[in-house]
Amino acid sequence: MAYLVATPSLSIKTDKTAGVVSTGASGGVGPYTYQWYRDTATPVTPGAGNLVAGATALTLNDSGLIPNTAYYYVLRALDTGNADDPKDSNELAVLTNPQTLSPNQFDLQPLVGKLDMAPNLNDIAVQIDASQTTPLYAGMWVNIVDSTGGIPKVVGCTANTDGALGPINYDVKSRSFNAGDRAEISIAGNCMYLMPTASGARGAQAVMDITSGGGVKPATGATGSTVVGWFPDKPAAGVPCRVMLSTPSFKLDS
């Protein structure tokens, strides 16, 4: 009667593969035939649902596995004289390695809820100023009324207002914004990080600073053609800061 003389053993594994080997059967009538079975639950009951297709040798190179997951292997042996009496090995438990990611790739995993990614550089957080007496709505344009620090204070305006920042983003939790509420706005233009050479106020125009250090600085007085954009954040000298670049359709000069 056929039986396996040893429990299968692990030869090598990665995050998605397992190499499993076993000694042959003995004590029956050869030649023997073999079939591997694999399951993620124990004990393994060999059947059509956990049969590893085509795995009929004493060596199994199993691939396409899930990282950091336990798999259980059984090798079934059948000898020529006992076709109706197969013999199964003991189980071999294999835990695949944790996934190894390329530094240039993100790990794709099932998520529950919203993934909080890095903020959109063309969005800024704002607070509705206390002087705003009527609610603001998603899509309404706003303008800065206080840029001395902290979260920018804004009030409603029209899209063609000189220096308008942009429209309030749609918020599924609140479509109406009152004085003191927080919101996000989509600001016009394209964003770049540039190096301010001087500190200034949020909302100030950014002008080229043609000095040995170079960079940009908040505008003071008439600046002419050197305006490159404006600061959605409060610029600090020597600290890279977002600058919203001017476009022909976006007026910055006062």
C-alpha atoms as a PDB file:
ATOM      1  CA  MET A   1       0.000   0.000   0.000  1.00  0.00           C
ATOM      2  CA  ALA A   2       1.448   3.371  -1.021  1.00  0.00           C
ATOM      3  CA  TYR A   3       2.436   6.011   1.463  1.00  0.00           C
ATOM      4  CA  LEU A   4       4.729   9.032   1.572  1.00  0.00           C
ATOM      5  CA  VAL A   5       7.915   8.557   3.534  1.00  0.00           C
ATOM      6  CA  ALA A   6       8.301  12.228   4.514  1.00  0.00           C
ATOM      7  CA  THR A   7       6.411  15.463   4.902  1.00  0.00           C
ATOM      8  CA  PRO A   8       7.048  17.823   1.985  1.00  0.00           C
ATOM      9  CA  SER A   9       9.628  20.514   2.708  1.00  0.00           C
ATOM     10  CA  LEU A  10      10.147  24.095   1.574  1.00  0.00           C
ATOM     11  CA  SER A  11      13.090  24.765  -0.721  1.00  0.00           C
ATOM     12  CA  ILE A  12      12.624  28.497  -1.396  1.00  0.00           C
ATOM     13  CA  LYS A  13       9.983  31.202  -1.139  1.00  0.00           C
ATOM     14  CA  THR A  14       9.387  34.848  -2.024  1.00  0.00           C
ATOM     15  CA  ASP A  15       6.435  37.175  -1.571  1.00  0.00           C
ATOM     16  CA  LYS A  16       4.564  35.525  -4.461  1.00  0.00           C
ATOM     17  CA  THR A  17       6.193  32.106  -4.983  1.00  0.00           C
ATOM     18  CA  ALA A  18       6.924  28.906  -3.056  1.00  0.00           C
ATOM     19  CA  GLY A  19       9.210  26.029  -3.969  1.00  0.00           C
ATOM     20  CA  VAL A  20       8.076  22.749  -2.364  1.00  0.00           C
ATOM     21  CA  VAL A  21       9.713  19.305  -2.634  1.00  0.00           C
ATOM     22  CA  SER A  22       9.034  15.823  -1.323  1.00  0.00           C
ATOM     23  CA  THR A  23      10.633  12.433  -1.277  1.00  0.00           C
ATOM     24  CA  GLY A  24       8.874   9.695  -3.232  1.00  0.00           C
ATOM     25  CA  ALA A  25       6.392   7.139  -1.986  1.00  0.00           C
ATOM     26  CA  SER A  26       7.367   3.595  -1.048  1.00  0.00           C
ATOM     27  CA  GLY A  27       5.806   0.411   0.259  1.00  0.00           C
ATOM     28  CA  GLY A  28       3.343  -0.010  -2.577  1.00  0.00           C
ATOM     29  CA  VAL A  29       3.351  -1.152  -6.171  1.00  0.00           C
ATOM     30  CA  GLY A  30       5.146   1.275  -8.448  1.00  0.00           C
ATOM     31  CA  PRO A  31       5.310   3.251 -10.528  1.00  0.00           C
ATOM     32  CA  TYR A  32       3.674   6.007  -8.490  1.00  0.00           C
ATOM     33  CA  THR A  33       1.752   9.023  -9.678  1.00  0.00           C
ATOM     34  CA  TYR A  34       1.632  12.275  -7.720  1.00  0.00           C
ATOM     35  CA  GLN A  35      -0.609  15.291  -7.424  1.00  0.00           C
ATOM     36  CA  TRP A  36      -0.155  18.490  -5.379  1.00  0.00           C
ATOM     37  CA  TYR A  37      -3.012  20.204  -3.543  1.00  0.00           C
ATOM     38  CA  ARG A  38      -2.890  23.674  -2.022  1.00  0.00           C
ATOM     39  CA  ASP A  39      -5.289  25.557   0.239  1.00  0.00           C
ATOM     40  CA  THR A  40      -5.344  28.624   2.467  1.00  0.00           C
ATOM     41  CA  ALA A  41      -7.282  26.739   5.136  1.00  0.00           C
ATOM     42  CA  THR A  42      -6.244  23.788   7.230  1.00  0.00           C
ATOM     43  CA  PRO A  43      -6.728  20.853   7.237  1.00  0.00           C
ATOM     44  CA  VAL A  44      -6.409  20.395   3.495  1.00  0.00           C
ATOM     45  CA  THR A  45      -8.972  18.016   2.007  1.00  0.00           C
ATOM     46  CA  PRO A  46      -7.705  17.163  -1.497  1.00  0.00           C
ATOM     47  CA  GLY A  47     -10.319  17.776  -4.150  1.00  0.00           C
ATOM     48  CA  ALA A  48     -11.003  19.526  -7.428  1.00  0.00           C
ATOM     49  CA  GLY A  49     -11.249  22.916  -5.692  1.00  0.00           C
ATOM     50  CA  ASN A  50      -7.694  22.955  -4.362  1.00  0.00           C
ATOM     51  CA  LEU A  51      -5.866  20.856  -6.952  1.00  0.00           C
ATOM     52  CA  VAL A  52      -2.778  22.565  -8.386  1.00  0.00           C
ATOM     53  CA  ALA A  53      -3.275  21.917 -12.080  1.00  0.00           C
ATOM     54  CA  GLY A  54      -0.430  20.123 -13.810  1.00  0.00           C
ATOM     55  CA  ALA A  55       1.593  19.650 -10.600  1.00  0.00           C
ATOM     56  CA  THR A  56       2.357  15.924 -10.886  1.00  0.00           C
ATOM     57  CA  ALA A  57       6.059  15.842  -9.945  1.00  0.00           C
ATOM     58  CA  LEU A  58       7.810  15.613  -6.588  1.00  0.00           C
ATOM     59  CA  THR A  59       8.903  19.235  -7.001  1.00  0.00           C
ATOM     60  CA  LEU A  60       6.368  22.079  -7.077  1.00  0.00           C
ATOM     61  CA  ASN A  61       7.247  25.621  -8.126  1.00  0.00           C
ATOM     62  CA  ASP A  62       4.121  27.506  -7.103  1.00  0.00           C
ATOM     63  CA  SER A  63       3.651  31.093  -8.327  1.00  0.00           C
ATOM     64  CA  GLY A  64       1.018  33.811  -8.339  1.00  0.00           C
ATOM     65  CA  LEU A  65       0.626  33.675  -4.560  1.00  0.00           C
ATOM     66  CA  ILE A  66      -0.498  36.505  -2.285  1.00  0.00           C
ATOM     67  CA  PRO A  67       2.217  38.150  -0.165  1.00  0.00           C
ATOM     68  CA  ASN A  68       2.218  37.545   3.597  1.00  0.00           C
ATOM     69  CA  THR A  69      -0.339  34.739   3.313  1.00  0.00           C
ATOM     70  CA  ALA A  70      -0.322  31.205   4.774  1.00  0.00           C
ATOM     71  CA  TYR A  71      -0.642  28.324   2.297  1.00  0.00           C
ATOM     72  CA  TYR A  72      -0.946  24.613   3.123  1.00  0.00           C
ATOM     73  CA  TYR A  73       0.361  21.910   0.778  1.00  0.00           C
ATOM     74  CA  VAL A  74      -0.434  18.188   0.561  1.00  0.00           C
ATOM     75  CA  LEU A  75       1.064  15.723  -1.908  1.00  0.00           C
ATOM     76  CA  ARG A  76      -1.140  12.781  -2.865  1.00  0.00           C
ATOM     77  CA  ALA A  77       0.492   9.542  -4.053  1.00  0.00           C
ATOM     78  CA  LEU A  78      -1.173   6.724  -5.936  1.00  0.00           C
ATOM     79  CA  ASP A  79       0.450   3.400  -6.723  1.00  0.00           C
ATOM     80  CA  THR A  80      -0.368   1.123  -9.639  1.00  0.00           C
ATOM     81  CA  GLY A  81      -1.941  -1.598  -7.520  1.00  0.00           C
ATOM     82  CA  ASN A  82      -4.215   0.619  -5.393  1.00  0.00           C
ATOM     83  CA  ALA A  83      -5.976   2.974  -7.781  1.00  0.00           C
ATOM     84  CA  ASP A  84      -8.846   3.480  -5.333  1.00  0.00           C
ATOM     85  CA  ASP A  85      -6.650   3.990  -2.256  1.00  0.00           C
ATOM     86  CA  PRO A  86      -4.494   7.145  -2.590  1.00  0.00           C
ATOM     87  CA  LYS A  87      -2.230   8.159   0.256  1.00  0.00           C
ATOM     88  CA  ASP A  88      -1.673  11.782   1.331  1.00  0.00           C
ATOM     89  CA  SER A  89       1.338  13.379   2.933  1.00  0.00           C
ATOM     90  CA  ASN A  90       1.261  15.444   6.061  1.00  0.00           C
ATOM     91  CA  GLU A  91       0.583  19.136   5.491  1.00  0.00           C
ATOM     92  CA  LEU A  92       3.336  21.651   4.874  1.00  0.00           C
ATOM     93  CA  ALA A  93       2.554  25.219   5.966  1.00  0.00           C
ATOM     94  CA  VAL A  94       4.234  28.036   4.022  1.00  0.00           C
ATOM     95  CA  LEU A  95       3.920  31.744   4.871  1.00  0.00           C
ATOM     96  CA  THR A  96       4.847  33.880   1.892  1.00  0.00           C
ATOM     97  CA  ASN A  97       7.100  36.877   2.458  1.00  0.00           C
ATOM     98  CA  PRO A  98       5.714  40.410   2.856  1.00  0.00           C
ATOM     99  CA  GLN A  99       5.485  42.221  -0.437  1.00  0.00           C
ATOM    100  CA  THR A 100       8.649  43.895  -1.655  1.00  0.00           C
ATOM    101  CA  LEU A 101       7.910  47.110  -3.530  1.00  0.00           C
ATOM    102  CA  SER A 102       9.987  48.880  -6.087  1.00  0.00           C
ATOM    103  CA  PRO A 103      10.907  52.374  -4.830  1.00  0.00           C
ATOM    104  CA  ASN A 104       9.185  53.718  -7.943  1.00  0.00           C
ATOM    105  CA  GLN A 105       5.891  51.892  -7.400  1.00  0.00           C
ATOM    106  CA  PHE A 106       2.927  52.137  -5.071  1.00  0.00           C
ATOM    107  CA  ASP A 107       1.492  49.062  -3.434  1.00  0.00           C
ATOM    108  CA  LEU A 108      -2.052  48.503  -4.685  1.00  0.00           C
ATOM    109  CA  GLN A 109      -4.166  47.268  -1.800  1.00  0.00           C
ATOM    110  CA  PRO A 110      -7.923  47.112  -1.233  1.00  0.00           C
ATOM    111  CA  LEU A 111      -9.071  50.230   0.577  1.00  0.00           C
ATOM    112  CA  VAL A 112     -12.103  50.986   2.673  1.00  0.00           C
ATOM    113  CA  GLY A 113     -13.082  54.628   2.473  1.00  0.00           C
ATOM    114  CA  LYS A 114     -11.240  57.556   0.979  1.00  0.00           C
ATOM    115  CA  LEU A 115      -7.483  57.590   0.514  1.00  0.00           C
ATOM    116  CA  ASP A 116      -6.042  60.840   1.852  1.00  0.00           C
ATOM    117  CA  MET A 117      -3.439  61.680  -0.747  1.00  0.00           C
ATOM    118  CA  ALA A 118      -1.151  64.706  -0.897  1.00  0.00           C
ATOM    119  CA  PRO A 119      -3.110  67.941  -1.360  1.00  0.00           C
ATOM    120  CA  ASN A 120      -3.651  69.337  -4.816  1.00  0.00           C
ATOM    121  CA  LEU A 121      -1.169  72.172  -5.223  1.00  0.00           C
ATOM    122  CA  ASN A 122      -3.851  74.185  -7.007  1.00  0.00           C
ATOM    123  CA  ASP A 123      -6.150  74.043  -3.954  1.00  0.00           C
ATOM    124  CA  ILE A 124      -5.791  76.066  -0.763  1.00  0.00           C
ATOM    125  CA  ALA A 125      -7.684  75.965   2.527  1.00  0.00           C
ATOM    126  CA  VAL A 126      -9.613  79.117   3.405  1.00  0.00           C
ATOM    127  CA  GLN A 127     -11.950  80.405   6.093  1.00  0.00           C
ATOM    128  CA  ILE A 128     -15.045  82.476   5.380  1.00  0.00           C
ATOM    129  CA  ASP A 129     -14.504  85.934   6.894  1.00  0.00           C
ATOM    130  CA  ALA A 130     -16.863  87.193   9.597  1.00  0.00           C
ATOM    131  CA  SER A 131     -17.835  90.090   7.329  1.00  0.00           C
ATOM    132  CA  GLN A 132     -19.535  87.689   4.914  1.00  0.00           C
ATOM    133  CA  THR A 133     -23.209  88.135   5.826  1.00  0.00           C
ATOM    134  CA  THR A 134     -24.735  85.733   3.292  1.00  0.00           C
ATOM    135  CA  PRO A 135     -23.777  82.066   2.828  1.00  0.00           C
ATOM    136  CA  LEU A 136     -21.328  81.122   0.076  1.00  0.00           C
ATOM    137  CA  TYR A 137     -21.926  78.125  -2.142  1.00  0.00           C
ATOM    138  CA  ALA A 138     -19.814  75.573  -3.937  1.00  0.00           C
ATOM    139  CA  GLY A 139     -18.592  77.083  -7.194  1.00  0.00           C
ATOM    140  CA  MET A 140     -18.782  80.668  -5.938  1.00  0.00           C
ATOM    141  CA  TRP A 141     -15.648  82.787  -6.362  1.00  0.00           C
ATOM    142  CA  VAL A 142     -13.870  84.362  -3.393  1.00  0.00           C
ATOM    143  CA  ASN A 143     -11.264  87.001  -2.703  1.00  0.00           C
ATOM    144  CA  ILE A 144      -8.809  87.457   0.190  1.00  0.00           C
ATOM    145  CA  VAL A 145      -9.729  90.093   2.780  1.00  0.00           C
ATOM    146  CA  ASP A 146      -7.120  89.148   5.394  1.00  0.00           C
ATOM    147  CA  SER A 147      -3.723  87.664   4.523  1.00  0.00           C
ATOM    148  CA  THR A 148      -1.778  88.459   7.682  1.00  0.00           C
ATOM    149  CA  GLY A 149      -1.216  84.807   8.577  1.00  0.00           C
ATOM    150  CA  GLY A 150      -3.022  81.612   9.493  1.00  0.00           C
ATOM    151  CA  ILE A 151      -5.773  80.405   7.199  1.00  0.00           C
ATOM    152  CA  PRO A 152      -6.670  83.011   4.525  1.00  0.00           C
ATOM    153  CA  LYS A 153      -9.924  84.860   5.255  1.00  0.00           C
ATOM    154  CA  VAL A 154     -12.099  85.243   2.173  1.00  0.00           C
ATOM    155  CA  VAL A 155     -15.374  86.773   1.060  1.00  0.00           C
ATOM    156  CA  GLY A 156     -17.544  86.130  -1.966  1.00  0.00           C
ATOM    157  CA  CYS A 157     -16.961  87.943  -5.231  1.00  0.00           C
ATOM    158  CA  THR A 158     -17.530  87.485  -8.955  1.00  0.00           C
ATOM    159  CA  ALA A 159     -15.253  85.606 -11.299  1.00  0.00           C
ATOM    160  CA  ASN A 160     -14.146  88.752 -13.103  1.00  0.00           C
ATOM    161  CA  THR A 161     -13.184  90.577  -9.885  1.00  0.00           C
ATOM    162  CA  ASP A 162      -9.621  91.854 -10.021  1.00  0.00           C
ATOM    163  CA  GLY A 163      -7.431  89.367  -8.130  1.00  0.00           C
ATOM    164  CA  ALA A 164     -10.173  86.793  -7.492  1.00  0.00           C
ATOM    165  CA  LEU A 165      -8.610  83.658  -6.040  1.00  0.00           C
ATOM    166  CA  GLY A 166     -10.936  81.034  -7.482  1.00  0.00           C
ATOM    167  CA  PRO A 167     -14.174  79.124  -6.801  1.00  0.00           C
ATOM    168  CA  ILE A 168     -15.028  77.146  -3.662  1.00  0.00           C
ATOM    169  CA  ASN A 169     -14.654  73.415  -4.214  1.00  0.00           C
ATOM    170  CA  TYR A 170     -17.702  71.191  -4.077  1.00  0.00           C
ATOM    171  CA  ASP A 171     -18.045  69.671  -0.606  1.00  0.00           C
ATOM    172  CA  VAL A 172     -20.333  66.649  -0.229  1.00  0.00           C
ATOM    173  CA  LYS A 173     -20.759  67.389   3.474  1.00  0.00           C
ATOM    174  CA  SER A 174     -21.763  71.033   3.114  1.00  0.00           C
ATOM    175  CA  ARG A 175     -22.864  72.936   0.053  1.00  0.00           C
ATOM    176  CA  SER A 176     -23.447  76.115   2.033  1.00  0.00           C
ATOM    177  CA  PHE A 177     -20.634  78.004   3.789  1.00  0.00           C
ATOM    178  CA  ASN A 178     -21.236  80.641   6.430  1.00  0.00           C
ATOM    179  CA  ALA A 179     -18.977  83.066   8.274  1.00  0.00           C
ATOM    180  CA  GLY A 180     -16.305  81.142  10.173  1.00  0.00           C
ATOM    181  CA  ASP A 181     -16.669  77.957   8.093  1.00  0.00           C
ATOM    182  CA  ARG A 182     -13.654  76.294   6.511  1.00  0.00           C
ATOM    183  CA  ALA A 183     -13.568  75.462   2.810  1.00  0.00           C
ATOM    184  CA  GLU A 184     -11.154  74.796  -0.035  1.00  0.00           C
ATOM    185  CA  ILE A 185     -10.894  76.782  -3.239  1.00  0.00           C
ATOM    186  CA  SER A 186      -9.432  75.935  -6.631  1.00  0.00           C
ATOM    187  CA  ILE A 187      -7.074  78.738  -7.487  1.00  0.00           C
ATOM    188  CA  ALA A 188      -6.403  79.951 -11.008  1.00  0.00           C
ATOM    189  CA  GLY A 189      -3.157  79.431 -12.856  1.00  0.00           C
ATOM    190  CA  ASN A 190      -0.431  76.809 -12.582  1.00  0.00           C
ATOM    191  CA  CYS A 191       1.555  76.243  -9.411  1.00  0.00           C
ATOM    192  CA  MET A 192       5.332  76.102  -8.955  1.00  0.00           C
ATOM    193  CA  TYR A 193       7.555  76.039  -5.902  1.00  0.00           C
ATOM    194  CA  LEU A 194       9.951  79.004  -5.997  1.00  0.00           C
ATOM    195  CA  MET A 195      12.354  80.476  -3.451  1.00  0.00           C
ATOM    196  CA  PRO A 196      11.273  83.772  -1.869  1.00  0.00           C
ATOM    197  CA  THR A 197      14.147  86.121  -1.067  1.00  0.00           C
ATOM    198  CA  ALA A 198      11.969  88.183   1.286  1.00  0.00           C
ATOM    199  CA  SER A 199       9.009  87.544   3.585  1.00  0.00           C
ATOM    200  CA  GLY A 200       5.593  88.977   2.862  1.00  0.00           C
ATOM    201  CA  ALA A 201       1.838  88.577   3.028  1.00  0.00           C
ATOM    202  CA  ARG A 202      -0.354  85.867   1.629  1.00  0.00           C
ATOM    203  CA  GLY A 203      -1.993  87.043  -1.583  1.00  0.00           C
ATOM    204  CA  ALA A 204       0.898  89.329  -2.521  1.00  0.00           C
ATOM    205  CA  GLN A 205       2.131  89.474  -6.072  1.00  0.00           C
ATOM    206  CA  ALA A 206       5.356  87.567  -6.725  1.00  0.00           C
ATOM    207  CA  VAL A 207       7.994  89.439  -8.710  1.00  0.00           C
ATOM    208  CA  MET A 208      11.394  88.434  -9.992  1.00  0.00           C
ATOM    209  CA  ASP A 209      14.265  89.294  -7.660  1.00  0.00           C
ATOM    210  CA  ILE A 210      17.222  89.917  -9.962  1.00  0.00           C
ATOM    211  CA  THR A 211      20.007  89.673  -7.414  1.00  0.00           C
ATOM    212  CA  SER A 212      22.983  87.417  -6.890  1.00  0.00           C
ATOM    213  CA  GLY A 213      20.736  85.027  -4.932  1.00  0.00           C
ATOM    214  CA  GLY A 214      17.870  85.221  -7.386  1.00  0.00           C
ATOM    215  CA  GLY A 215      14.327  84.012  -6.821  1.00  0.00           C
ATOM    216  CA  VAL A 216      11.070  85.854  -6.237  1.00  0.00           C
ATOM    217  CA  LYS A 217       9.852  88.333  -3.652  1.00  0.00           C
ATOM    218  CA  PRO A 218       6.562  89.972  -2.677  1.00  0.00           C
ATOM    219  CA  ALA A 219       5.773  93.032  -4.754  1.00  0.00           C
ATOM    220  CA  THR A 220       5.962  96.491  -3.223  1.00  0.00           C
ATOM    221  CA  GLY A 221       4.503  99.383  -5.194  1.00  0.00           C
ATOM    222  CA  ALA A 222       4.531  99.446  -8.995  1.00  0.00           C
ATOM    223  CA  THR A 223       6.312  96.411 -10.385  1.00  0.00           C
ATOM    224  CA  GLY A 224       5.700  96.503 -14.118  1.00  0.00           C
ATOM    225  CA  SER A 225       6.534  93.430 -16.204  1.00  0.00           C
ATOM    226  CA  THR A 226       8.439  91.546 -13.485  1.00  0.00           C
ATOM    227  CA  VAL A 227       5.242  90.036 -11.968  1.00  0.00           C
ATOM    228  CA  VAL A 228       5.389  86.235 -12.311  1.00  0.00           C
ATOM    229  CA  GLY A 229       2.389  85.304 -10.168  1.00  0.00           C
ATOM    230  CA  TRP A 230       1.160  85.540  -6.590  1.00  0.00           C
ATOM    231  CA  PHE A 231       1.620  83.797  -3.258  1.00  0.00           C
ATOM    232  CA  PRO A 232      -1.322  81.636  -2.080  1.00  0.00           C
ATOM    233  CA  ASP A 233       0.733  80.946   1.072  1.00  0.00           C
ATOM    234  CA  LYS A 234       2.511  83.460   3.267  1.00  0.00           C
ATOM    235  CA  PRO A 235       6.066  83.641   1.842  1.00  0.00           C
ATOM    236  CA  ALA A 236       9.054  83.426   4.157  1.00  0.00           C
ATOM    237  CA  ALA A 237      12.560  84.329   3.035  1.00  0.00           C
ATOM    238  CA  GLY A 238      14.633  81.266   2.170  1.00  0.00           C
ATOM    239  CA  VAL A 239      11.740  78.790   2.392  1.00  0.00           C
ATOM    240  CA  PRO A 240      10.400  77.295  -0.890  1.00  0.00           C
ATOM    241  CA  CYS A 241       6.861  78.544  -1.389  1.00  0.00           C
ATOM    242  CA  ARG A 242       4.035  77.969  -3.829  1.00  0.00           C
ATOM    243  CA  VAL A 243       3.648  80.625  -6.523  1.00  0.00           C
ATOM    244  CA  MET A 244       0.601  80.683  -8.752  1.00  0.00           C
ATOM    245  CA  LEU A 245       1.922  81.674 -12.159  1.00  0.00           C
ATOM    246  CA  SER A 246       0.319  84.497 -14.090  1.00  0.00           C
ATOM    247  CA  THR A 247      -1.618  83.761 -17.242  1.00  0.00           C
ATOM    248  CA  PRO A 248      -2.773  86.337 -19.811  1.00  0.00           C
ATOM    249  CA  SER A 249      -6.390  85.823 -18.733  1.00  0.00           C
ATOM    250  CA  PHE A 250      -5.664  86.208 -15.012  1.00  0.00           C
ATOM    251  CA  LYS A 251      -5.075  89.820 -13.998  1.00  0.00           C
ATOM    252  CA  LEU A 252      -2.746  90.370 -11.051  1.00  0.00           C
ATOM    253  CA  ASP A 253      -1.673  93.983 -11.238  1.00  0.00           C
ATOM    254  CA  SER A 254      -3.732  96.384  -9.159  1.00  0.00           C
END
